[in-house]
Structure formats: structure tokens, C-alpha cells
């Protein structure tokens, strides 16, 4: 199943905390698309994924001023 979470209206550290909670509650073999407002938030979430063993399915994607990434929980 695919889920989406728009965190573009939040500043650090809120996006990281909300992403961590969303990933913890994500069902196995599901994907979460995160939309973030800053490269710093993107880097924080990418480090979280690396630490927790989540797989980032796409490289950094920037659309206008926002960043997005797709994460899979295996």
C-alpha cells in the first residue's frame, strides 16, 4: 500500500519527528512518500532511514521549493 505525508508546512525538528512516527506505524511492504520543505529535513529523514533500515526508493527529487522521497518498509 502507498501512503503520503505532506510535511512542507513544518520546520525542524517537527518533520523528522512526524516522519519517524509515520514510519514506525507503516505496515510491512508499504511505501511512504514524504514531502519536505527543506534540504535539511530531507537529510535528517534520510539519516533516520539509514539508521532504522528503511529503504529510500528514489534519489532526492526537488519540485519548486519542496523535496520529496519515497521510503519502503520491508
PDB file of N, CA and C in Angstrom:
ATOM      1  N   UNK A   1       0.843  -1.173   0.000  1.00  0.00           N
ATOM      2  CA  UNK A   1       0.000   0.000   0.000  1.00  0.00           C
ATOM      3  C   UNK A   1       0.893   1.242   0.000  1.00  0.00           C
ATOM      4  N   UNK A   2       0.415   2.311  -0.584  1.00  0.00           N
ATOM      5  CA  UNK A   2       1.169   3.559  -0.662  1.00  0.00           C
ATOM      6  C   UNK A   2       0.502   4.638   0.178  1.00  0.00           C
ATOM      7  N   UNK A   3       1.318   5.355   0.921  1.00  0.00           N
ATOM      8  CA  UNK A   3       0.840   6.435   1.774  1.00  0.00           C
ATOM      9  C   UNK A   3       1.613   7.698   1.435  1.00  0.00           C
ATOM     10  N   UNK A   4       1.033   8.850   1.762  1.00  0.00           N
ATOM     11  CA  UNK A   4       1.694  10.126   1.501  1.00  0.00           C
ATOM     12  C   UNK A   4       1.541  11.032   2.716  1.00  0.00           C
ATOM     13  N   UNK A   5       2.615  11.740   3.034  1.00  0.00           N
ATOM     14  CA  UNK A   5       2.599  12.654   4.167  1.00  0.00           C
ATOM     15  C   UNK A   5       3.256  13.963   3.741  1.00  0.00           C
ATOM     16  N   UNK A   6       2.504  15.042   3.793  1.00  0.00           N
ATOM     17  CA  UNK A   6       2.994  16.366   3.409  1.00  0.00           C
ATOM     18  C   UNK A   6       3.453  17.102   4.667  1.00  0.00           C
ATOM     19  N   UNK A   7       4.751  17.310   4.772  1.00  0.00           N
ATOM     20  CA  UNK A   7       5.325  17.989   5.936  1.00  0.00           C
ATOM     21  C   UNK A   7       5.922  19.343   5.556  1.00  0.00           C
ATOM     22  N   UNK A   8       5.493  19.885   4.436  1.00  0.00           N
ATOM     23  CA  UNK A   8       6.076  21.128   3.926  1.00  0.00           C
ATOM     24  C   UNK A   8       5.738  22.354   4.771  1.00  0.00           C
ATOM     25  N   UNK A   9       4.742  22.260   5.627  1.00  0.00           N
ATOM     26  CA  UNK A   9       4.341  23.416   6.431  1.00  0.00           C
ATOM     27  C   UNK A   9       5.007  23.437   7.801  1.00  0.00           C
ATOM     28  N   UNK A  10       5.930  22.508   8.029  1.00  0.00           N
ATOM     29  CA  UNK A  10       6.571  22.396   9.336  1.00  0.00           C
ATOM     30  C   UNK A  10       8.069  22.670   9.229  1.00  0.00           C
ATOM     31  N   UNK A  11       8.643  23.179  10.315  1.00  0.00           N
ATOM     32  CA  UNK A  11      10.086  23.405  10.385  1.00  0.00           C
ATOM     33  C   UNK A  11      10.706  22.425  11.375  1.00  0.00           C
ATOM     34  N   UNK A  12      12.016  22.272  11.269  1.00  0.00           N
ATOM     35  CA  UNK A  12      12.755  21.338  12.131  1.00  0.00           C
ATOM     36  C   UNK A  12      12.501  21.661  13.601  1.00  0.00           C
ATOM     37  N   UNK A  13      12.371  20.635  14.404  1.00  0.00           N
ATOM     38  CA  UNK A  13      12.553  19.207  14.134  1.00  0.00           C
ATOM     39  C   UNK A  13      11.246  18.461  13.860  1.00  0.00           C
ATOM     40  N   UNK A  14      10.148  19.173  13.681  1.00  0.00           N
ATOM     41  CA  UNK A  14       8.834  18.539  13.527  1.00  0.00           C
ATOM     42  C   UNK A  14       8.781  17.540  12.366  1.00  0.00           C
ATOM     43  N   UNK A  15       9.297  17.853  11.165  1.00  0.00           N
ATOM     44  CA  UNK A  15       9.224  16.861  10.082  1.00  0.00           C
ATOM     45  C   UNK A  15       9.916  15.542  10.426  1.00  0.00           C
ATOM     46  N   UNK A  16      11.052  15.614  11.084  1.00  0.00           N
ATOM     47  CA  UNK A  16      11.764  14.395  11.465  1.00  0.00           C
ATOM     48  C   UNK A  16      10.953  13.577  12.457  1.00  0.00           C
ATOM     49  N   UNK A  17      10.397  14.224  13.449  1.00  0.00           N
ATOM     50  CA  UNK A  17       9.606  13.517  14.462  1.00  0.00           C
ATOM     51  C   UNK A  17       8.352  12.895  13.859  1.00  0.00           C
ATOM     52  N   UNK A  18       7.675  13.634  12.981  1.00  0.00           N
ATOM     53  CA  UNK A  18       6.462  13.105  12.357  1.00  0.00           C
ATOM     54  C   UNK A  18       6.788  11.977  11.379  1.00  0.00           C
ATOM     55  N   UNK A  19       7.903  12.101  10.659  1.00  0.00           N
ATOM     56  CA  UNK A  19       8.319  11.038   9.739  1.00  0.00           C
ATOM     57  C   UNK A  19       8.656   9.773  10.518  1.00  0.00           C
ATOM     58  N   UNK A  20       9.348   9.928  11.629  1.00  0.00           N
ATOM     59  CA  UNK A  20       9.715   8.773  12.458  1.00  0.00           C
ATOM     60  C   UNK A  20       8.469   8.043  12.948  1.00  0.00           C
ATOM     61  N   UNK A  21       7.480   8.788  13.400  1.00  0.00           N
ATOM     62  CA  UNK A  21       6.233   8.186  13.878  1.00  0.00           C
ATOM     63  C   UNK A  21       5.488   7.502  12.735  1.00  0.00           C
ATOM     64  N   UNK A  22       5.418   8.160  11.584  1.00  0.00           N
ATOM     65  CA  UNK A  22       4.716   7.581  10.427  1.00  0.00           C
ATOM     66  C   UNK A  22       5.395   6.296   9.966  1.00  0.00           C
ATOM     67  N   UNK A  23       6.721   6.285   9.933  1.00  0.00           N
ATOM     68  CA  UNK A  23       7.448   5.089   9.509  1.00  0.00           C
ATOM     69  C   UNK A  23       7.270   3.946  10.504  1.00  0.00           C
ATOM     70  N   UNK A  24       7.233   4.258  11.778  1.00  0.00           N
ATOM     71  CA  UNK A  24       7.033   3.222  12.795  1.00  0.00           C
ATOM     72  C   UNK A  24       5.666   2.560  12.647  1.00  0.00           C
ATOM     73  N   UNK A  25       4.670   3.337  12.217  1.00  0.00           N
ATOM     74  CA  UNK A  25       3.307   2.819  12.064  1.00  0.00           C
ATOM     75  C   UNK A  25       3.009   2.290  10.667  1.00  0.00           C
ATOM     76  N   UNK A  26       3.961   2.405   9.753  1.00  0.00           N
ATOM     77  CA  UNK A  26       3.774   1.962   8.373  1.00  0.00           C
ATOM     78  C   UNK A  26       3.758   0.432   8.312  1.00  0.00           C
ATOM     79  N   UNK A  27       2.748  -0.160   7.666  1.00  0.00           N
ATOM     80  CA  UNK A  27       2.714  -1.624   7.540  1.00  0.00           C
ATOM     81  C   UNK A  27       3.893  -2.143   6.712  1.00  0.00           C
ATOM     82  N   UNK A  28       4.288  -3.373   6.977  1.00  0.00           N
ATOM     83  CA  UNK A  28       5.361  -4.015   6.217  1.00  0.00           C
ATOM     84  C   UNK A  28       5.041  -3.981   4.726  1.00  0.00           C
ATOM     85  N   UNK A  29       6.071  -3.865   3.897  1.00  0.00           N
ATOM     86  CA  UNK A  29       5.965  -3.848   2.434  1.00  0.00           C
ATOM     87  C   UNK A  29       5.123  -2.695   1.896  1.00  0.00           C
ATOM     88  N   UNK A  30       5.027  -1.624   2.653  1.00  0.00           N
ATOM     89  CA  UNK A  30       4.302  -0.434   2.210  1.00  0.00           C
ATOM     90  C   UNK A  30       5.297   0.675   1.899  1.00  0.00           C
ATOM     91  N   UNK A  31       4.803   1.668   1.161  1.00  0.00           N
ATOM     92  CA  UNK A  31       5.633   2.809   0.795  1.00  0.00           C
ATOM     93  C   UNK A  31       5.045   4.086   1.359  1.00  0.00           C
ATOM     94  N   UNK A  32       5.932   4.983   1.746  1.00  0.00           N
ATOM     95  CA  UNK A  32       5.533   6.288   2.249  1.00  0.00           C
ATOM     96  C   UNK A  32       6.237   7.353   1.419  1.00  0.00           C
ATOM     97  N   UNK A  33       5.454   8.238   0.820  1.00  0.00           N
ATOM     98  CA  UNK A  33       6.014   9.383   0.110  1.00  0.00           C
ATOM     99  C   UNK A  33       5.969  10.571   1.050  1.00  0.00           C
ATOM    100  N   UNK A  34       7.132  11.138   1.311  1.00  0.00           N
ATOM    101  CA  UNK A  34       7.224  12.305   2.183  1.00  0.00           C
ATOM    102  C   UNK A  34       7.507  13.536   1.351  1.00  0.00           C
ATOM    103  N   UNK A  35       6.806  14.615   1.658  1.00  0.00           N
ATOM    104  CA  UNK A  35       7.081  15.912   1.045  1.00  0.00           C
ATOM    105  C   UNK A  35       7.635  16.811   2.144  1.00  0.00           C
ATOM    106  N   UNK A  36       8.804  17.386   1.869  1.00  0.00           N
ATOM    107  CA  UNK A  36       9.515  18.184   2.863  1.00  0.00           C
ATOM    108  C   UNK A  36       9.847  19.556   2.296  1.00  0.00           C
ATOM    109  N   UNK A  37       9.984  20.539   3.183  1.00  0.00           N
ATOM    110  CA  UNK A  37      10.197  21.915   2.741  1.00  0.00           C
ATOM    111  C   UNK A  37      11.661  22.313   2.636  1.00  0.00           C
ATOM    112  N   UNK A  38      12.566  21.512   3.181  1.00  0.00           N
ATOM    113  CA  UNK A  38      13.970  21.925   3.156  1.00  0.00           C
ATOM    114  C   UNK A  38      14.899  20.745   2.931  1.00  0.00           C
ATOM    115  N   UNK A  39      16.076  21.067   2.435  1.00  0.00           N
ATOM    116  CA  UNK A  39      17.080  20.032   2.230  1.00  0.00           C
ATOM    117  C   UNK A  39      17.547  19.482   3.575  1.00  0.00           C
ATOM    118  N   UNK A  40      17.570  20.310   4.600  1.00  0.00           N
ATOM    119  CA  UNK A  40      17.955  19.852   5.932  1.00  0.00           C
ATOM    120  C   UNK A  40      16.997  18.783   6.433  1.00  0.00           C
ATOM    121  N   UNK A  41      15.707  19.001   6.267  1.00  0.00           N
ATOM    122  CA  UNK A  41      14.719  17.997   6.671  1.00  0.00           C
ATOM    123  C   UNK A  41      14.907  16.718   5.872  1.00  0.00           C
ATOM    124  N   UNK A  42      15.171  16.868   4.577  1.00  0.00           N
ATOM    125  CA  UNK A  42      15.412  15.700   3.731  1.00  0.00           C
ATOM    126  C   UNK A  42      16.609  14.909   4.254  1.00  0.00           C
ATOM    127  N   UNK A  43      17.698  15.591   4.551  1.00  0.00           N
ATOM    128  CA  UNK A  43      18.901  14.918   5.038  1.00  0.00           C
ATOM    129  C   UNK A  43      18.651  14.229   6.376  1.00  0.00           C
ATOM    130  N   UNK A  44      17.896  14.883   7.260  1.00  0.00           N
ATOM    131  CA  UNK A  44      17.569  14.282   8.558  1.00  0.00           C
ATOM    132  C   UNK A  44      16.776  12.995   8.384  1.00  0.00           C
ATOM    133  N   UNK A  45      15.780  13.022   7.503  1.00  0.00           N
ATOM    134  CA  UNK A  45      14.951  11.836   7.271  1.00  0.00           C
ATOM    135  C   UNK A  45      15.774  10.739   6.592  1.00  0.00           C
ATOM    136  N   UNK A  46      16.642  11.110   5.671  1.00  0.00           N
ATOM    137  CA  UNK A  46      17.499  10.122   5.007  1.00  0.00           C
ATOM    138  C   UNK A  46      18.406   9.424   6.016  1.00  0.00           C
ATOM    139  N   UNK A  47      18.950  10.168   6.964  1.00  0.00           N
ATOM    140  CA  UNK A  47      19.779   9.566   8.011  1.00  0.00           C
ATOM    141  C   UNK A  47      18.958   8.646   8.906  1.00  0.00           C
ATOM    142  N   UNK A  48      17.735   9.059   9.216  1.00  0.00           N
ATOM    143  CA  UNK A  48      16.840   8.209  10.000  1.00  0.00           C
ATOM    144  C   UNK A  48      16.593   6.891   9.279  1.00  0.00           C
ATOM    145  N   UNK A  49      16.330   6.962   7.989  1.00  0.00           N
ATOM    146  CA  UNK A  49      16.079   5.752   7.203  1.00  0.00           C
ATOM    147  C   UNK A  49      17.292   4.830   7.212  1.00  0.00           C
ATOM    148  N   UNK A  50      18.460   5.411   7.059  1.00  0.00           N
ATOM    149  CA  UNK A  50      19.690   4.615   7.070  1.00  0.00           C
ATOM    150  C   UNK A  50      19.873   3.932   8.430  1.00  0.00           C
ATOM    151  N   UNK A  51      19.639   4.676   9.492  1.00  0.00           N
ATOM    152  CA  UNK A  51      19.813   4.152  10.850  1.00  0.00           C
ATOM    153  C   UNK A  51      18.802   3.060  11.181  1.00  0.00           C
ATOM    154  N   UNK A  52      17.554   3.253  10.751  1.00  0.00           N
ATOM    155  CA  UNK A  52      16.471   2.336  11.102  1.00  0.00           C
ATOM    156  C   UNK A  52      16.272   1.212  10.090  1.00  0.00           C
ATOM    157  N   UNK A  53      16.981   1.261   8.964  1.00  0.00           N
ATOM    158  CA  UNK A  53      16.903   0.186   7.979  1.00  0.00           C
ATOM    159  C   UNK A  53      15.776   0.305   6.967  1.00  0.00           C
ATOM    160  N   UNK A  54      15.232   1.502   6.787  1.00  0.00           N
ATOM    161  CA  UNK A  54      14.222   1.722   5.758  1.00  0.00           C
ATOM    162  C   UNK A  54      14.923   1.968   4.429  1.00  0.00           C
ATOM    163  N   UNK A  55      14.263   1.616   3.343  1.00  0.00           N
ATOM    164  CA  UNK A  55      14.864   1.748   2.016  1.00  0.00           C
ATOM    165  C   UNK A  55      14.297   2.971   1.298  1.00  0.00           C
ATOM    166  N   UNK A  56      15.179   3.860   0.849  1.00  0.00           N
ATOM    167  CA  UNK A  56      14.758   5.013   0.053  1.00  0.00           C
ATOM    168  C   UNK A  56      14.749   4.569  -1.401  1.00  0.00           C
ATOM    169  N   UNK A  57      13.591   4.662  -2.043  1.00  0.00           N
ATOM    170  CA  UNK A  57      13.417   4.144  -3.396  1.00  0.00           C
ATOM    171  C   UNK A  57      13.789   5.124  -4.491  1.00  0.00           C
ATOM    172  N   UNK A  58      13.900   6.388  -4.170  1.00  0.00           N
ATOM    173  CA  UNK A  58      14.247   7.364  -5.205  1.00  0.00           C
ATOM    174  C   UNK A  58      15.316   8.309  -4.682  1.00  0.00           C
ATOM    175  N   UNK A  59      16.096   8.852  -5.565  1.00  0.00           N
ATOM    176  CA  UNK A  59      17.046   9.872  -5.126  1.00  0.00           C
ATOM    177  C   UNK A  59      16.286  11.153  -4.782  1.00  0.00           C
ATOM    178  N   UNK A  60      17.002  12.120  -4.312  1.00  0.00           N
ATOM    179  CA  UNK A  60      16.358  13.389  -3.958  1.00  0.00           C
ATOM    180  C   UNK A  60      15.629  13.954  -5.174  1.00  0.00           C
ATOM    181  N   UNK A  61      14.406  14.357  -4.950  1.00  0.00           N
ATOM    182  CA  UNK A  61      13.613  14.986  -6.009  1.00  0.00           C
ATOM    183  C   UNK A  61      13.147  16.336  -5.501  1.00  0.00           C
ATOM    184  N   UNK A  62      13.507  17.359  -6.229  1.00  0.00           N
ATOM    185  CA  UNK A  62      13.107  18.700  -5.843  1.00  0.00           C
ATOM    186  C   UNK A  62      12.096  19.217  -6.843  1.00  0.00           C
ATOM    187  N   UNK A  63      10.945  19.626  -6.329  1.00  0.00           N
ATOM    188  CA  UNK A  63       9.920  20.240  -7.166  1.00  0.00           C
ATOM    189  C   UNK A  63       9.689  21.642  -6.620  1.00  0.00           C
ATOM    190  N   UNK A  64       9.964  22.618  -7.401  1.00  0.00           N
ATOM    191  CA  UNK A  64       9.941  24.027  -6.997  1.00  0.00           C
ATOM    192  C   UNK A  64      10.795  24.184  -5.742  1.00  0.00           C
ATOM    193  N   UNK A  65      10.195  24.456  -4.603  1.00  0.00           N
ATOM    194  CA  UNK A  65      10.961  24.635  -3.371  1.00  0.00           C
ATOM    195  C   UNK A  65      10.855  23.439  -2.432  1.00  0.00           C
ATOM    196  N   UNK A  66      10.098  22.439  -2.804  1.00  0.00           N
ATOM    197  CA  UNK A  66       9.877  21.297  -1.929  1.00  0.00           C
ATOM    198  C   UNK A  66      10.715  20.095  -2.348  1.00  0.00           C
ATOM    199  N   UNK A  67      10.936  19.206  -1.404  1.00  0.00           N
ATOM    200  CA  UNK A  67      11.675  17.969  -1.637  1.00  0.00           C
ATOM    201  C   UNK A  67      10.743  16.801  -1.353  1.00  0.00           C
ATOM    202  N   UNK A  68      10.938  15.714  -2.063  1.00  0.00           N
ATOM    203  CA  UNK A  68      10.139  14.527  -1.770  1.00  0.00           C
ATOM    204  C   UNK A  68      11.010  13.291  -1.872  1.00  0.00           C
ATOM    205  N   UNK A  69      10.617  12.270  -1.148  1.00  0.00           N
ATOM    206  CA  UNK A  69      11.289  10.990  -1.236  1.00  0.00           C
ATOM    207  C   UNK A  69      10.294   9.886  -0.943  1.00  0.00           C
ATOM    208  N   UNK A  70      10.555   8.724  -1.527  1.00  0.00           N
ATOM    209  CA  UNK A  70       9.700   7.558  -1.339  1.00  0.00           C
ATOM    210  C   UNK A  70      10.489   6.551  -0.519  1.00  0.00           C
ATOM    211  N   UNK A  71       9.868   6.096   0.569  1.00  0.00           N
ATOM    212  CA  UNK A  71      10.517   5.184   1.506  1.00  0.00           C
ATOM    213  C   UNK A  71       9.711   3.900   1.574  1.00  0.00           C
ATOM    214  N   UNK A  72      10.409   2.771   1.594  1.00  0.00           N
ATOM    215  CA  UNK A  72       9.740   1.477   1.704  1.00  0.00           C
ATOM    216  C   UNK A  72      10.137   0.805   3.005  1.00  0.00           C
ATOM    217  N   UNK A  73       9.138   0.268   3.679  1.00  0.00           N
ATOM    218  CA  UNK A  73       9.374  -0.518   4.888  1.00  0.00           C
ATOM    219  C   UNK A  73       9.272  -1.981   4.499  1.00  0.00           C
ATOM    220  N   UNK A  74      10.388  -2.694   4.612  1.00  0.00           N
ATOM    221  CA  UNK A  74      10.402  -4.100   4.211  1.00  0.00           C
ATOM    222  C   UNK A  74      10.264  -5.009   5.405  1.00  0.00           C
TER     223      UNK A  74
END
